[in-house]
Amino acid sequence: VTLWSNATYPMMVRAMALVGTADAKRHESIRLVLAGPPVTAFASSEILRGAEGGLLGIVDAATGRSLSRISIEAPPIFDGMCVARGRVVLSLTSGTVVSFK
């Protein structure tokens, strides 16, 4: 079990998936894919509903270090993420379904 210390991320996570190998010797290849509205959504219901779009990010599961982050047009619906065959598919609050490779 890994305990992240001082790990912060600028989003309210609504959807996440753990991806990578389960081989303990290759622990560095395990990633956590996260998506949600910006953390400022805690302060505003408009932001929570998607007024400022959303974020999609990848985090190293061992360290909590951010590896990648992009803006998306709207936040995902709750638990609206699927990861398979190298793709991330999100169902967004705007009614759109998006796919990233």
C-alpha atoms as a PDB file:
ATOM      1  CA  VAL A   1       0.000   0.000   0.000  1.00  0.00           C
ATOM      2  CA  THR A   2       1.323   3.409  -0.966  1.00  0.00           C
ATOM      3  CA  LEU A   3       0.508   6.528   1.011  1.00  0.00           C
ATOM      4  CA  TRP A   4       0.773   9.745  -0.957  1.00  0.00           C
ATOM      5  CA  SER A   5       1.942  12.732   1.029  1.00  0.00           C
ATOM      6  CA  ASN A   6       1.253  16.293  -0.042  1.00  0.00           C
ATOM      7  CA  ALA A   7      -0.469  15.060  -3.217  1.00  0.00           C
ATOM      8  CA  THR A   8      -2.907  17.641  -4.545  1.00  0.00           C
ATOM      9  CA  TYR A   9      -4.828  17.711  -7.780  1.00  0.00           C
ATOM     10  CA  PRO A  10      -6.824  20.646  -9.189  1.00  0.00           C
ATOM     11  CA  MET A  11     -10.097  18.781  -9.746  1.00  0.00           C
ATOM     12  CA  MET A  12     -13.091  17.340  -7.968  1.00  0.00           C
ATOM     13  CA  VAL A  13     -12.818  13.721  -9.131  1.00  0.00           C
ATOM     14  CA  ARG A  14     -16.076  12.329 -10.539  1.00  0.00           C
ATOM     15  CA  ALA A  15     -14.661   9.423 -12.525  1.00  0.00           C
ATOM     16  CA  MET A  16     -11.487   7.378 -12.172  1.00  0.00           C
ATOM     17  CA  ALA A  17      -9.906   4.164 -13.367  1.00  0.00           C
ATOM     18  CA  LEU A  18      -6.758   2.301 -12.387  1.00  0.00           C
ATOM     19  CA  VAL A  19      -4.848   1.128 -15.454  1.00  0.00           C
ATOM     20  CA  GLY A  20      -1.643  -0.772 -16.064  1.00  0.00           C
ATOM     21  CA  THR A  21      -0.065  -3.983 -14.970  1.00  0.00           C
ATOM     22  CA  ALA A  22      -0.795  -5.666 -11.657  1.00  0.00           C
ATOM     23  CA  ASP A  23       2.771  -7.045 -11.504  1.00  0.00           C
ATOM     24  CA  ALA A  24       4.331  -5.712  -8.292  1.00  0.00           C
ATOM     25  CA  LYS A  25       7.782  -5.654  -9.914  1.00  0.00           C
ATOM     26  CA  ARG A  26       6.525  -3.194 -12.554  1.00  0.00           C
ATOM     27  CA  HIS A  27       4.642  -0.934 -10.137  1.00  0.00           C
ATOM     28  CA  GLU A  28       5.810   2.177 -12.009  1.00  0.00           C
ATOM     29  CA  SER A  29       3.506   1.318 -14.909  1.00  0.00           C
ATOM     30  CA  ILE A  30       0.299   1.610 -12.877  1.00  0.00           C
ATOM     31  CA  ARG A  31      -1.610   4.823 -13.567  1.00  0.00           C
ATOM     32  CA  LEU A  32      -4.744   6.421 -12.208  1.00  0.00           C
ATOM     33  CA  VAL A  33      -6.901   8.191 -14.813  1.00  0.00           C
ATOM     34  CA  LEU A  34      -9.026  10.973 -13.261  1.00  0.00           C
ATOM     35  CA  ALA A  35     -11.728  13.272 -14.630  1.00  0.00           C
ATOM     36  CA  GLY A  36     -13.956  15.955 -13.152  1.00  0.00           C
ATOM     37  CA  PRO A  37     -14.696  19.658 -12.845  1.00  0.00           C
ATOM     38  CA  PRO A  38     -11.988  22.039 -11.560  1.00  0.00           C
ATOM     39  CA  VAL A  39     -11.513  22.126  -7.788  1.00  0.00           C
ATOM     40  CA  THR A  40     -13.163  25.575  -7.807  1.00  0.00           C
ATOM     41  CA  ALA A  41     -16.450  23.661  -8.256  1.00  0.00           C
ATOM     42  CA  PHE A  42     -16.580  23.387  -4.461  1.00  0.00           C
ATOM     43  CA  ALA A  43     -17.278  27.127  -4.409  1.00  0.00           C
ATOM     44  CA  SER A  44     -19.857  27.414  -7.182  1.00  0.00           C
ATOM     45  CA  SER A  45     -22.754  25.281  -8.400  1.00  0.00           C
ATOM     46  CA  GLU A  46     -22.326  26.745 -11.911  1.00  0.00           C
ATOM     47  CA  ILE A  47     -18.760  25.426 -12.073  1.00  0.00           C
ATOM     48  CA  LEU A  48     -19.938  22.085 -10.703  1.00  0.00           C
ATOM     49  CA  ARG A  49     -22.457  21.897 -13.557  1.00  0.00           C
ATOM     50  CA  GLY A  50     -19.702  22.568 -16.095  1.00  0.00           C
ATOM     51  CA  ALA A  51     -19.464  26.346 -16.589  1.00  0.00           C
ATOM     52  CA  GLU A  52     -15.652  26.099 -16.660  1.00  0.00           C
ATOM     53  CA  GLY A  53     -15.421  22.755 -18.461  1.00  0.00           C
ATOM     54  CA  GLY A  54     -13.621  19.798 -16.972  1.00  0.00           C
ATOM     55  CA  LEU A  55     -10.231  18.183 -16.611  1.00  0.00           C
ATOM     56  CA  LEU A  56      -8.840  14.784 -17.577  1.00  0.00           C
ATOM     57  CA  GLY A  57      -5.580  13.743 -15.951  1.00  0.00           C
ATOM     58  CA  ILE A  58      -3.204  10.845 -15.453  1.00  0.00           C
ATOM     59  CA  VAL A  59      -1.425  10.295 -12.143  1.00  0.00           C
ATOM     60  CA  ASP A  60       1.358   7.872 -11.206  1.00  0.00           C
ATOM     61  CA  ALA A  61      -0.364   5.471  -8.795  1.00  0.00           C
ATOM     62  CA  ALA A  62       2.812   4.871  -6.785  1.00  0.00           C
ATOM     63  CA  THR A  63       3.722   8.489  -6.086  1.00  0.00           C
ATOM     64  CA  GLY A  64       0.630  10.623  -6.772  1.00  0.00           C
ATOM     65  CA  ARG A  65       2.695  12.690  -9.220  1.00  0.00           C
ATOM     66  CA  SER A  66       0.729  14.278 -12.071  1.00  0.00           C
ATOM     67  CA  LEU A  67       1.859  12.879 -15.433  1.00  0.00           C
ATOM     68  CA  SER A  68      -0.579  14.561 -17.800  1.00  0.00           C
ATOM     69  CA  ARG A  69      -3.616  16.833 -17.741  1.00  0.00           C
ATOM     70  CA  ILE A  70      -5.884  18.317 -20.411  1.00  0.00           C
ATOM     71  CA  SER A  71      -9.014  20.458 -20.410  1.00  0.00           C
ATOM     72  CA  ILE A  72     -12.242  18.926 -21.682  1.00  0.00           C
ATOM     73  CA  GLU A  73     -15.441  20.689 -22.782  1.00  0.00           C
ATOM     74  CA  ALA A  74     -17.509  19.595 -19.745  1.00  0.00           C
ATOM     75  CA  PRO A  75     -17.068  17.480 -16.620  1.00  0.00           C
ATOM     76  CA  PRO A  76     -17.911  13.779 -16.836  1.00  0.00           C
ATOM     77  CA  ILE A  77     -21.095  12.410 -15.381  1.00  0.00           C
ATOM     78  CA  PHE A  78     -20.543  10.541 -12.091  1.00  0.00           C
ATOM     79  CA  ASP A  79     -18.555   7.371 -12.816  1.00  0.00           C
ATOM     80  CA  GLY A  80     -18.854   8.081 -16.564  1.00  0.00           C
ATOM     81  CA  MET A  81     -15.445   6.703 -17.613  1.00  0.00           C
ATOM     82  CA  CYS A  82     -14.360   3.553 -19.403  1.00  0.00           C
ATOM     83  CA  VAL A  83     -10.736   2.633 -20.114  1.00  0.00           C
ATOM     84  CA  ALA A  84      -9.919  -0.194 -22.535  1.00  0.00           C
ATOM     85  CA  ARG A  85      -7.370  -1.023 -25.236  1.00  0.00           C
ATOM     86  CA  GLY A  86      -5.438   2.187 -24.700  1.00  0.00           C
ATOM     87  CA  ARG A  87      -8.494   4.452 -24.912  1.00  0.00           C
ATOM     88  CA  VAL A  88     -10.308   6.589 -22.347  1.00  0.00           C
ATOM     89  CA  VAL A  89     -14.003   7.120 -23.093  1.00  0.00           C
ATOM     90  CA  LEU A  90     -15.952   9.741 -21.106  1.00  0.00           C
ATOM     91  CA  SER A  91     -19.637  10.545 -20.956  1.00  0.00           C
ATOM     92  CA  LEU A  92     -19.879  14.280 -20.248  1.00  0.00           C
ATOM     93  CA  THR A  93     -22.542  16.346 -18.519  1.00  0.00           C
ATOM     94  CA  SER A  94     -23.045  18.182 -21.830  1.00  0.00           C
ATOM     95  CA  GLY A  95     -24.458  14.977 -23.341  1.00  0.00           C
ATOM     96  CA  THR A  96     -21.325  14.356 -25.398  1.00  0.00           C
ATOM     97  CA  VAL A  97     -19.257  11.180 -25.407  1.00  0.00           C
ATOM     98  CA  VAL A  98     -15.532  11.729 -26.038  1.00  0.00           C
ATOM     99  CA  SER A  99     -12.675   9.315 -26.624  1.00  0.00           C
ATOM    100  CA  PHE A 100      -8.933   9.836 -26.105  1.00  0.00           C
ATOM    101  CA  LYS A 101      -6.003   7.637 -27.062  1.00  0.00           C
END
